[in-house]
N, C-alpha and C. Protein backbone atom coordinates (compact mmCIF):
# COMPACT_ATOMS: atom_id res chain seq x y z
N MET A 1 82.56 103.13 90.03
CA MET A 1 81.47 103.66 89.21
C MET A 1 81.77 103.42 87.73
N ASP A 2 80.74 103.14 86.97
CA ASP A 2 80.95 102.95 85.53
C ASP A 2 81.07 104.31 84.84
N LYS A 3 81.53 104.29 83.60
CA LYS A 3 81.80 105.53 82.86
C LYS A 3 80.55 106.39 82.70
N ASN A 4 79.42 105.77 82.39
CA ASN A 4 78.19 106.55 82.21
C ASN A 4 77.82 107.32 83.48
N THR A 5 77.98 106.66 84.63
CA THR A 5 77.70 107.32 85.91
C THR A 5 78.65 108.48 86.13
N LEU A 6 79.93 108.28 85.81
CA LEU A 6 80.92 109.35 85.96
C LEU A 6 80.56 110.56 85.10
N TYR A 7 80.15 110.31 83.85
CA TYR A 7 79.76 111.42 82.98
C TYR A 7 78.50 112.12 83.49
N GLN A 8 77.55 111.38 84.04
CA GLN A 8 76.33 111.99 84.58
C GLN A 8 76.66 112.88 85.77
N ILE A 9 77.56 112.41 86.64
CA ILE A 9 77.99 113.22 87.78
C ILE A 9 78.71 114.48 87.28
N TYR A 10 79.59 114.30 86.31
CA TYR A 10 80.33 115.42 85.73
C TYR A 10 79.35 116.47 85.18
N LEU A 11 78.39 116.02 84.40
CA LEU A 11 77.38 116.92 83.83
C LEU A 11 76.62 117.67 84.91
N SER A 12 76.18 116.95 85.92
CA SER A 12 75.42 117.54 87.03
C SER A 12 76.26 118.59 87.77
N GLU A 13 77.50 118.24 88.09
CA GLU A 13 78.39 119.18 88.79
C GLU A 13 78.68 120.41 87.94
N LEU A 14 78.92 120.19 86.66
CA LEU A 14 79.20 121.30 85.74
C LEU A 14 78.04 122.28 85.71
N LEU A 15 76.83 121.77 85.57
CA LEU A 15 75.65 122.64 85.51
C LEU A 15 75.40 123.35 86.85
N GLU A 16 75.62 122.64 87.95
CA GLU A 16 75.42 123.25 89.27
C GLU A 16 76.43 124.37 89.53
N TRP A 17 77.70 124.09 89.30
CA TRP A 17 78.75 125.10 89.52
C TRP A 17 78.62 126.25 88.52
N ASN A 18 78.15 125.96 87.33
CA ASN A 18 78.02 126.99 86.29
C ASN A 18 76.99 128.05 86.68
N GLN A 19 76.09 127.73 87.60
CA GLN A 19 75.12 128.73 88.08
C GLN A 19 75.80 129.77 88.97
N LYS A 20 76.92 129.38 89.60
CA LYS A 20 77.65 130.28 90.51
C LYS A 20 78.62 131.18 89.75
N PHE A 21 79.30 130.62 88.76
CA PHE A 21 80.23 131.38 87.93
C PHE A 21 80.39 130.66 86.60
N ASN A 22 80.85 131.40 85.60
CA ASN A 22 80.89 130.88 84.24
C ASN A 22 81.99 129.84 84.04
N LEU A 23 81.59 128.60 83.86
CA LEU A 23 82.50 127.52 83.46
C LEU A 23 82.35 127.22 81.97
N THR A 24 81.12 127.37 81.48
CA THR A 24 80.83 127.10 80.07
C THR A 24 79.61 127.91 79.66
N SER A 25 79.61 128.34 78.41
CA SER A 25 78.42 129.03 77.88
C SER A 25 77.39 128.01 77.39
N ILE A 26 77.81 126.77 77.27
CA ILE A 26 76.93 125.69 76.81
C ILE A 26 76.24 125.09 78.04
N THR A 27 74.92 125.20 78.10
CA THR A 27 74.20 124.72 79.28
C THR A 27 73.17 123.63 78.97
N ASP A 28 72.94 123.35 77.71
CA ASP A 28 72.03 122.28 77.33
C ASP A 28 72.75 120.94 77.51
N PRO A 29 72.20 120.02 78.31
CA PRO A 29 72.89 118.75 78.57
C PRO A 29 73.29 117.98 77.31
N ALA A 30 72.42 117.95 76.31
CA ALA A 30 72.76 117.22 75.07
C ALA A 30 73.93 117.89 74.36
N ALA A 31 73.94 119.22 74.36
CA ALA A 31 75.04 119.95 73.72
C ALA A 31 76.35 119.75 74.48
N ILE A 32 76.28 119.69 75.80
CA ILE A 32 77.48 119.43 76.62
C ILE A 32 78.05 118.06 76.27
N GLN A 33 77.17 117.07 76.11
CA GLN A 33 77.62 115.72 75.75
C GLN A 33 78.45 115.75 74.47
N ILE A 34 78.02 116.53 73.50
CA ILE A 34 78.71 116.57 72.21
C ILE A 34 79.88 117.55 72.23
N LYS A 35 79.59 118.81 72.58
CA LYS A 35 80.59 119.87 72.43
C LYS A 35 81.68 119.86 73.49
N HIS A 36 81.46 119.15 74.59
CA HIS A 36 82.51 119.04 75.59
C HIS A 36 83.03 117.60 75.72
N PHE A 37 82.14 116.65 76.01
CA PHE A 37 82.60 115.28 76.22
C PHE A 37 83.10 114.63 74.93
N GLU A 38 82.23 114.60 73.92
CA GLU A 38 82.62 113.97 72.65
C GLU A 38 83.83 114.68 72.03
N ASP A 39 83.82 116.01 72.04
CA ASP A 39 84.92 116.78 71.48
C ASP A 39 86.23 116.46 72.21
N SER A 40 86.19 116.37 73.53
CA SER A 40 87.40 116.03 74.30
C SER A 40 87.97 114.69 73.88
N LEU A 41 87.09 113.75 73.61
CA LEU A 41 87.52 112.38 73.30
C LEU A 41 88.03 112.21 71.87
N THR A 42 87.94 113.25 71.04
CA THR A 42 88.52 113.14 69.69
C THR A 42 90.03 112.88 69.77
N ILE A 43 90.65 113.24 70.86
CA ILE A 43 92.09 112.96 71.07
C ILE A 43 92.38 111.48 70.87
N LEU A 44 91.45 110.63 71.29
CA LEU A 44 91.66 109.18 71.20
C LEU A 44 91.69 108.68 69.76
N LYS A 45 91.28 109.51 68.82
CA LYS A 45 91.34 109.13 67.40
C LYS A 45 92.73 109.31 66.80
N VAL A 46 93.61 110.02 67.52
CA VAL A 46 94.95 110.28 66.98
C VAL A 46 96.09 109.80 67.87
N VAL A 47 95.79 109.41 69.09
CA VAL A 47 96.85 108.93 69.98
C VAL A 47 96.31 107.76 70.81
N ASP A 48 97.16 106.78 71.00
CA ASP A 48 96.81 105.60 71.80
C ASP A 48 97.21 105.87 73.24
N LEU A 49 96.25 106.31 74.04
CA LEU A 49 96.54 106.63 75.44
C LEU A 49 96.57 105.36 76.27
N LYS A 50 97.65 105.20 77.00
CA LYS A 50 97.77 104.06 77.92
C LYS A 50 98.11 104.60 79.30
N ASP A 51 99.39 104.60 79.63
CA ASP A 51 99.80 105.06 80.95
C ASP A 51 100.70 106.30 80.86
N GLN A 52 100.54 107.07 79.80
CA GLN A 52 101.38 108.24 79.59
C GLN A 52 101.13 109.33 80.64
N ARG A 53 102.11 110.20 80.73
CA ARG A 53 101.99 111.39 81.56
C ARG A 53 101.45 112.50 80.66
N VAL A 54 100.28 113.05 81.01
CA VAL A 54 99.55 113.99 80.17
C VAL A 54 99.33 115.30 80.92
N VAL A 55 99.58 116.44 80.25
CA VAL A 55 99.27 117.75 80.82
C VAL A 55 98.19 118.41 79.97
N ASP A 56 97.16 118.91 80.64
CA ASP A 56 96.06 119.63 80.01
C ASP A 56 96.24 121.10 80.38
N VAL A 57 96.64 121.91 79.41
CA VAL A 57 96.97 123.32 79.64
C VAL A 57 95.72 124.19 79.43
N GLY A 58 95.41 125.01 80.44
CA GLY A 58 94.20 125.83 80.38
C GLY A 58 92.97 124.95 80.50
N SER A 59 92.99 124.09 81.49
CA SER A 59 91.98 123.04 81.62
C SER A 59 90.55 123.56 81.79
N GLY A 60 90.39 124.75 82.35
CA GLY A 60 89.05 125.32 82.50
C GLY A 60 88.14 124.44 83.33
N ALA A 61 87.09 123.92 82.72
CA ALA A 61 86.14 123.03 83.41
C ALA A 61 86.55 121.56 83.28
N GLY A 62 87.81 121.32 82.88
CA GLY A 62 88.32 119.95 82.84
C GLY A 62 88.37 119.32 81.47
N PHE A 63 88.18 120.13 80.43
CA PHE A 63 88.17 119.59 79.07
C PHE A 63 89.48 119.90 78.37
N PRO A 64 90.13 118.93 77.79
CA PRO A 64 89.74 117.55 77.53
C PRO A 64 90.20 116.55 78.60
N GLY A 65 90.97 117.01 79.59
CA GLY A 65 91.63 116.09 80.53
C GLY A 65 90.74 115.13 81.28
N ILE A 66 89.68 115.62 81.90
CA ILE A 66 88.83 114.75 82.74
C ILE A 66 88.12 113.68 81.91
N PRO A 67 87.49 114.01 80.77
CA PRO A 67 86.91 112.93 79.97
C PRO A 67 87.94 111.88 79.53
N LEU A 68 89.16 112.32 79.21
CA LEU A 68 90.21 111.36 78.84
C LEU A 68 90.58 110.48 80.03
N LYS A 69 90.61 111.05 81.22
CA LYS A 69 90.91 110.27 82.43
C LYS A 69 89.80 109.26 82.72
N ILE A 70 88.55 109.65 82.46
CA ILE A 70 87.43 108.72 82.64
C ILE A 70 87.59 107.53 81.69
N GLU A 71 87.96 107.81 80.45
CA GLU A 71 88.12 106.75 79.45
C GLU A 71 89.40 105.94 79.63
N ARG A 72 90.45 106.59 80.09
CA ARG A 72 91.76 105.94 80.27
C ARG A 72 92.28 106.24 81.68
N PRO A 73 91.73 105.56 82.69
CA PRO A 73 92.08 105.87 84.08
C PRO A 73 93.56 105.66 84.41
N GLU A 74 94.28 104.94 83.57
CA GLU A 74 95.69 104.66 83.85
C GLU A 74 96.63 105.81 83.51
N ILE A 75 96.15 106.85 82.79
CA ILE A 75 97.04 107.98 82.49
C ILE A 75 97.33 108.75 83.77
N LYS A 76 98.48 109.40 83.78
CA LYS A 76 98.85 110.29 84.87
C LYS A 76 98.58 111.71 84.37
N LEU A 77 97.58 112.36 84.93
CA LEU A 77 97.06 113.62 84.39
C LEU A 77 97.42 114.80 85.28
N THR A 78 97.89 115.86 84.64
CA THR A 78 98.11 117.14 85.31
C THR A 78 97.24 118.18 84.62
N LEU A 79 96.44 118.88 85.42
CA LEU A 79 95.58 119.95 84.92
C LEU A 79 96.19 121.28 85.33
N VAL A 80 96.43 122.16 84.37
CA VAL A 80 96.99 123.48 84.65
C VAL A 80 95.93 124.52 84.33
N GLU A 81 95.61 125.36 85.31
CA GLU A 81 94.57 126.37 85.14
C GLU A 81 94.95 127.60 85.96
N ALA A 82 94.77 128.79 85.39
CA ALA A 82 95.17 130.03 86.04
C ALA A 82 94.06 130.69 86.85
N THR A 83 92.82 130.22 86.73
CA THR A 83 91.69 130.85 87.40
C THR A 83 91.30 130.07 88.65
N CYS A 84 91.35 130.73 89.80
CA CYS A 84 91.10 130.08 91.09
C CYS A 84 89.73 129.40 91.16
N LYS A 85 88.68 130.06 90.68
CA LYS A 85 87.34 129.47 90.75
C LYS A 85 87.29 128.14 89.98
N LYS A 86 87.95 128.11 88.85
CA LYS A 86 87.97 126.88 88.05
C LYS A 86 88.79 125.79 88.75
N ILE A 87 89.85 126.18 89.42
CA ILE A 87 90.65 125.23 90.20
C ILE A 87 89.79 124.61 91.29
N ASN A 88 89.01 125.43 91.99
CA ASN A 88 88.12 124.92 93.04
C ASN A 88 87.11 123.92 92.47
N PHE A 89 86.56 124.24 91.30
CA PHE A 89 85.65 123.31 90.63
C PHE A 89 86.36 122.00 90.30
N LEU A 90 87.54 122.08 89.71
CA LEU A 90 88.28 120.88 89.31
C LEU A 90 88.59 119.99 90.51
N LYS A 91 89.01 120.59 91.61
CA LYS A 91 89.32 119.82 92.82
C LYS A 91 88.07 119.11 93.34
N ALA A 92 86.96 119.84 93.40
CA ALA A 92 85.70 119.24 93.88
C ALA A 92 85.23 118.13 92.94
N LEU A 93 85.35 118.37 91.64
CA LEU A 93 84.93 117.38 90.64
C LEU A 93 85.75 116.10 90.73
N VAL A 94 87.06 116.24 90.78
CA VAL A 94 87.95 115.07 90.85
C VAL A 94 87.64 114.25 92.09
N LYS A 95 87.40 114.93 93.21
CA LYS A 95 87.06 114.24 94.46
C LYS A 95 85.73 113.50 94.31
N LYS A 96 84.73 114.19 93.77
CA LYS A 96 83.39 113.60 93.61
C LYS A 96 83.42 112.39 92.67
N LEU A 97 84.24 112.47 91.61
CA LEU A 97 84.34 111.37 90.65
C LEU A 97 85.23 110.23 91.16
N GLY A 98 85.99 110.49 92.21
CA GLY A 98 86.88 109.46 92.76
C GLY A 98 88.06 109.14 91.86
N LEU A 99 88.49 110.11 91.06
CA LEU A 99 89.61 109.89 90.14
C LEU A 99 90.93 110.04 90.88
N THR A 100 91.91 109.24 90.48
CA THR A 100 93.23 109.28 91.11
C THR A 100 94.30 109.58 90.06
N ASP A 101 95.52 109.79 90.53
CA ASP A 101 96.64 110.14 89.64
C ASP A 101 96.36 111.41 88.85
N ILE A 102 95.78 112.40 89.53
CA ILE A 102 95.54 113.71 88.92
C ILE A 102 96.16 114.77 89.81
N GLU A 103 96.99 115.62 89.21
CA GLU A 103 97.54 116.78 89.90
C GLU A 103 96.88 118.01 89.30
N ILE A 104 96.43 118.91 90.16
CA ILE A 104 95.76 120.13 89.72
C ILE A 104 96.64 121.31 90.15
N ILE A 105 97.06 122.11 89.18
CA ILE A 105 97.99 123.21 89.44
C ILE A 105 97.32 124.54 89.13
N TRP A 106 97.32 125.42 90.12
CA TRP A 106 96.80 126.77 89.95
C TRP A 106 97.96 127.69 89.62
N ASP A 107 98.17 127.93 88.34
CA ASP A 107 99.27 128.78 87.90
C ASP A 107 99.13 129.00 86.39
N ARG A 108 99.97 129.86 85.88
CA ARG A 108 99.99 130.11 84.44
C ARG A 108 100.93 129.11 83.78
N ALA A 109 100.54 128.60 82.64
CA ALA A 109 101.33 127.59 81.94
C ALA A 109 102.72 128.09 81.62
N GLU A 110 102.84 129.36 81.20
CA GLU A 110 104.14 129.89 80.81
C GLU A 110 105.10 130.03 81.99
N LYS A 111 104.58 129.96 83.20
CA LYS A 111 105.44 129.97 84.39
C LYS A 111 105.77 128.53 84.81
N ILE A 112 104.76 127.72 84.91
CA ILE A 112 104.94 126.35 85.42
C ILE A 112 105.74 125.49 84.44
N ASN A 113 105.70 125.81 83.15
CA ASN A 113 106.42 124.99 82.17
C ASN A 113 107.94 125.17 82.26
N GLN A 114 108.39 126.13 83.07
CA GLN A 114 109.82 126.32 83.30
C GLN A 114 110.30 125.69 84.61
N ASP A 115 109.36 125.23 85.42
CA ASP A 115 109.69 124.58 86.69
C ASP A 115 110.31 123.21 86.39
N PRO A 116 111.49 122.91 86.96
CA PRO A 116 112.14 121.62 86.69
C PRO A 116 111.27 120.40 87.01
N LYS A 117 110.29 120.57 87.89
CA LYS A 117 109.39 119.46 88.22
C LYS A 117 108.48 119.10 87.03
N TYR A 118 108.25 120.07 86.13
CA TYR A 118 107.32 119.86 85.02
C TYR A 118 107.95 119.99 83.64
N LYS A 119 109.01 120.76 83.53
CA LYS A 119 109.64 121.00 82.23
C LYS A 119 110.24 119.71 81.68
N GLY A 120 109.81 119.34 80.47
CA GLY A 120 110.34 118.16 79.81
C GLY A 120 109.93 116.84 80.44
N LYS A 121 108.81 116.81 81.15
CA LYS A 121 108.41 115.60 81.90
C LYS A 121 107.19 114.87 81.32
N PHE A 122 106.55 115.43 80.29
CA PHE A 122 105.28 114.86 79.82
C PHE A 122 105.41 114.22 78.44
N ASP A 123 104.60 113.18 78.24
CA ASP A 123 104.53 112.50 76.94
C ASP A 123 103.57 113.21 75.99
N LEU A 124 102.55 113.84 76.57
CA LEU A 124 101.49 114.45 75.78
C LEU A 124 101.04 115.75 76.44
N ALA A 125 100.95 116.81 75.65
CA ALA A 125 100.40 118.09 76.12
C ALA A 125 99.17 118.40 75.28
N LEU A 126 98.11 118.86 75.95
CA LEU A 126 96.84 119.13 75.28
C LEU A 126 96.38 120.55 75.58
N ALA A 127 95.74 121.18 74.61
CA ALA A 127 95.13 122.49 74.83
C ALA A 127 93.89 122.58 73.95
N ARG A 128 92.81 123.02 74.56
CA ARG A 128 91.52 123.14 73.86
C ARG A 128 90.91 124.48 74.23
N ALA A 129 90.63 125.31 73.23
CA ALA A 129 89.97 126.61 73.45
C ALA A 129 90.74 127.49 74.42
N VAL A 130 92.07 127.58 74.24
CA VAL A 130 92.91 128.36 75.15
C VAL A 130 93.44 129.62 74.49
N ALA A 131 94.11 129.48 73.36
CA ALA A 131 94.76 130.61 72.69
C ALA A 131 95.06 130.23 71.25
N LYS A 132 95.62 131.18 70.49
CA LYS A 132 96.05 130.88 69.12
C LYS A 132 97.24 129.94 69.16
N LEU A 133 97.43 129.22 68.07
CA LEU A 133 98.44 128.17 68.00
C LEU A 133 99.85 128.68 68.30
N ASP A 134 100.22 129.87 67.82
CA ASP A 134 101.58 130.34 68.07
C ASP A 134 101.84 130.54 69.56
N LYS A 135 100.83 130.97 70.32
CA LYS A 135 100.96 131.09 71.78
C LYS A 135 100.97 129.72 72.44
N LEU A 136 100.10 128.83 71.98
CA LEU A 136 100.00 127.50 72.57
C LEU A 136 101.31 126.73 72.47
N VAL A 137 102.01 126.89 71.36
CA VAL A 137 103.30 126.20 71.18
C VAL A 137 104.24 126.60 72.31
N GLY A 138 104.29 127.91 72.62
CA GLY A 138 105.15 128.39 73.71
C GLY A 138 104.71 127.90 75.07
N TYR A 139 103.41 127.73 75.27
CA TYR A 139 102.90 127.22 76.53
C TYR A 139 103.16 125.72 76.70
N CYS A 140 102.98 124.97 75.62
CA CYS A 140 102.90 123.51 75.72
C CYS A 140 104.19 122.76 75.43
N LEU A 141 104.95 123.17 74.43
CA LEU A 141 106.15 122.40 74.06
C LEU A 141 107.14 122.25 75.21
N PRO A 142 107.37 123.27 76.05
CA PRO A 142 108.33 123.08 77.14
C PRO A 142 107.97 121.95 78.11
N PHE A 143 106.69 121.61 78.22
CA PHE A 143 106.28 120.51 79.10
C PHE A 143 106.74 119.14 78.59
N LEU A 144 106.98 119.03 77.29
CA LEU A 144 107.18 117.73 76.65
C LEU A 144 108.59 117.19 76.75
N LYS A 145 108.66 115.86 76.89
CA LYS A 145 109.91 115.13 76.74
C LYS A 145 110.29 115.16 75.26
N PRO A 146 111.56 114.91 74.92
CA PRO A 146 111.89 114.74 73.49
C PRO A 146 111.05 113.62 72.90
N GLY A 147 110.45 113.87 71.75
CA GLY A 147 109.57 112.89 71.12
C GLY A 147 108.13 112.99 71.58
N GLY A 148 107.86 113.85 72.58
CA GLY A 148 106.50 114.05 73.07
C GLY A 148 105.64 114.75 72.03
N ILE A 149 104.34 114.66 72.20
CA ILE A 149 103.38 115.21 71.23
C ILE A 149 102.52 116.28 71.90
N PHE A 150 102.36 117.40 71.21
CA PHE A 150 101.41 118.44 71.60
C PHE A 150 100.24 118.37 70.64
N ILE A 151 99.02 118.31 71.19
CA ILE A 151 97.81 118.31 70.37
C ILE A 151 96.98 119.53 70.72
N ALA A 152 96.78 120.39 69.73
CA ALA A 152 95.89 121.55 69.87
C ALA A 152 94.55 121.19 69.25
N GLN A 153 93.49 121.31 70.04
CA GLN A 153 92.14 121.05 69.54
C GLN A 153 91.58 122.38 69.04
N LYS A 154 91.31 122.43 67.76
CA LYS A 154 90.88 123.66 67.11
C LYS A 154 89.62 123.44 66.29
N GLY A 155 89.03 124.54 65.87
CA GLY A 155 87.87 124.49 64.98
C GLY A 155 88.31 124.32 63.54
N PRO A 156 87.38 124.50 62.62
CA PRO A 156 87.69 124.26 61.21
C PRO A 156 88.61 125.30 60.59
N GLY A 157 88.64 126.53 61.10
CA GLY A 157 89.43 127.60 60.49
C GLY A 157 90.83 127.72 61.05
N VAL A 158 91.52 126.62 61.17
CA VAL A 158 92.83 126.61 61.82
C VAL A 158 93.98 126.89 60.86
N ASP A 159 93.73 126.85 59.56
CA ASP A 159 94.82 126.96 58.59
C ASP A 159 95.63 128.25 58.72
N ALA A 160 94.97 129.38 58.96
CA ALA A 160 95.69 130.65 59.12
C ALA A 160 96.56 130.63 60.37
N GLU A 161 96.04 130.03 61.46
CA GLU A 161 96.83 129.91 62.69
C GLU A 161 98.07 129.06 62.46
N ILE A 162 97.91 127.98 61.73
CA ILE A 162 99.05 127.09 61.43
C ILE A 162 100.09 127.84 60.62
N ALA A 163 99.65 128.56 59.60
CA ALA A 163 100.58 129.33 58.76
C ALA A 163 101.34 130.36 59.58
N ASP A 164 100.65 131.07 60.47
CA ASP A 164 101.32 132.06 61.33
C ASP A 164 102.34 131.40 62.25
N ALA A 165 101.96 130.29 62.86
CA ALA A 165 102.87 129.60 63.78
C ALA A 165 104.09 129.07 63.05
N GLN A 166 103.89 128.54 61.86
CA GLN A 166 105.03 128.02 61.09
C GLN A 166 105.95 129.16 60.66
N LYS A 167 105.38 130.27 60.26
CA LYS A 167 106.17 131.42 59.80
C LYS A 167 106.93 132.05 60.98
N ASN A 168 106.24 132.27 62.09
CA ASN A 168 106.82 132.99 63.22
C ASN A 168 107.72 132.12 64.10
N LEU A 169 107.42 130.84 64.20
CA LEU A 169 108.15 129.98 65.13
C LEU A 169 108.95 128.88 64.45
N GLY A 170 108.71 128.67 63.17
CA GLY A 170 109.44 127.62 62.46
C GLY A 170 109.09 126.21 62.91
N ILE A 171 107.88 126.02 63.43
CA ILE A 171 107.49 124.69 63.91
C ILE A 171 107.13 123.78 62.74
N LYS A 172 107.23 122.50 63.00
CA LYS A 172 106.84 121.51 62.00
C LYS A 172 105.61 120.77 62.51
N ILE A 173 104.59 120.76 61.70
CA ILE A 173 103.35 120.06 62.05
C ILE A 173 103.51 118.59 61.68
N LYS A 174 103.24 117.72 62.66
CA LYS A 174 103.31 116.28 62.41
C LYS A 174 102.09 115.82 61.62
N GLU A 175 100.92 116.32 62.03
CA GLU A 175 99.67 115.88 61.39
C GLU A 175 98.57 116.87 61.71
N ILE A 176 97.64 117.03 60.79
CA ILE A 176 96.40 117.77 61.03
C ILE A 176 95.27 116.80 60.73
N LYS A 177 94.51 116.48 61.75
CA LYS A 177 93.40 115.54 61.60
C LYS A 177 92.10 116.32 61.64
N LYS A 178 91.34 116.28 60.56
CA LYS A 178 90.04 116.95 60.48
C LYS A 178 88.96 115.93 60.86
N LEU A 179 88.09 116.34 61.77
CA LEU A 179 87.04 115.45 62.28
C LEU A 179 85.70 116.16 62.28
N THR A 180 84.64 115.37 62.31
CA THR A 180 83.29 115.91 62.42
C THR A 180 82.62 115.30 63.64
N LEU A 181 82.11 116.15 64.53
CA LEU A 181 81.37 115.67 65.70
C LEU A 181 79.99 115.17 65.25
N SER A 182 79.31 114.46 66.14
CA SER A 182 78.02 113.87 65.77
C SER A 182 76.95 114.91 65.43
N ASN A 183 77.15 116.17 65.85
CA ASN A 183 76.19 117.23 65.50
C ASN A 183 76.57 117.96 64.21
N GLY A 184 77.65 117.51 63.55
CA GLY A 184 78.08 118.12 62.30
C GLY A 184 79.18 119.17 62.45
N ASP A 185 79.49 119.59 63.68
CA ASP A 185 80.56 120.57 63.90
C ASP A 185 81.90 120.00 63.45
N GLN A 186 82.69 120.86 62.82
CA GLN A 186 84.01 120.46 62.33
C GLN A 186 85.07 120.75 63.39
N ARG A 187 86.05 119.86 63.51
CA ARG A 187 87.16 120.02 64.44
C ARG A 187 88.45 119.69 63.71
N SER A 188 89.52 120.33 64.18
CA SER A 188 90.86 120.04 63.66
C SER A 188 91.77 119.76 64.84
N LEU A 189 92.47 118.64 64.77
CA LEU A 189 93.48 118.31 65.77
C LEU A 189 94.83 118.55 65.12
N VAL A 190 95.61 119.45 65.72
CA VAL A 190 96.93 119.79 65.19
C VAL A 190 97.97 119.12 66.07
N LEU A 191 98.74 118.20 65.49
CA LEU A 191 99.75 117.46 66.24
C LEU A 191 101.13 118.01 65.91
N ILE A 192 101.88 118.34 66.96
CA ILE A 192 103.24 118.85 66.82
C ILE A 192 104.14 117.98 67.70
N LYS A 193 105.19 117.46 67.10
CA LYS A 193 106.12 116.59 67.84
C LYS A 193 107.32 117.40 68.29
N LYS A 194 107.74 117.19 69.52
CA LYS A 194 108.91 117.89 70.03
C LYS A 194 110.16 117.18 69.59
């Protein structure tokens, strides 16, 4: 299937499952295209994804992991989600889209990131709309290999979160990339290198 078809199936499944339980508060198809699909793909503006091992922490309805997998099918993707209903959606979606090299884990990130099977095994860790930056660092950095990158997808008001994380955890920010979505919404990608 081509990418457009995959996104149409994704959109259809998201809207159908969202009627049963809350996956997203955004239900307008055009808004989903921008606020979920386009926003997820902002990652590609700061990292060259090829065949890396990627973990999406707090994957929810599959953002940003599934859109990135659609665009870069060669990545090895792990989706971590603590809510069973969302796990069921992700499993059904991945099957319907025919995507491969995806592992879906039903557990809390702070538990699974200590498992030797996952700790220090990833090139890239991603989190979007999960928690404040100081918490995300604790969830995501343990997944990374030395030299791996954690990218937190945040809104425009991320500066206070960055200051808190730097003060409380002593982390060093590699880069902060400010972006604008096609609808004018502001986004900040915070890159932290392990």
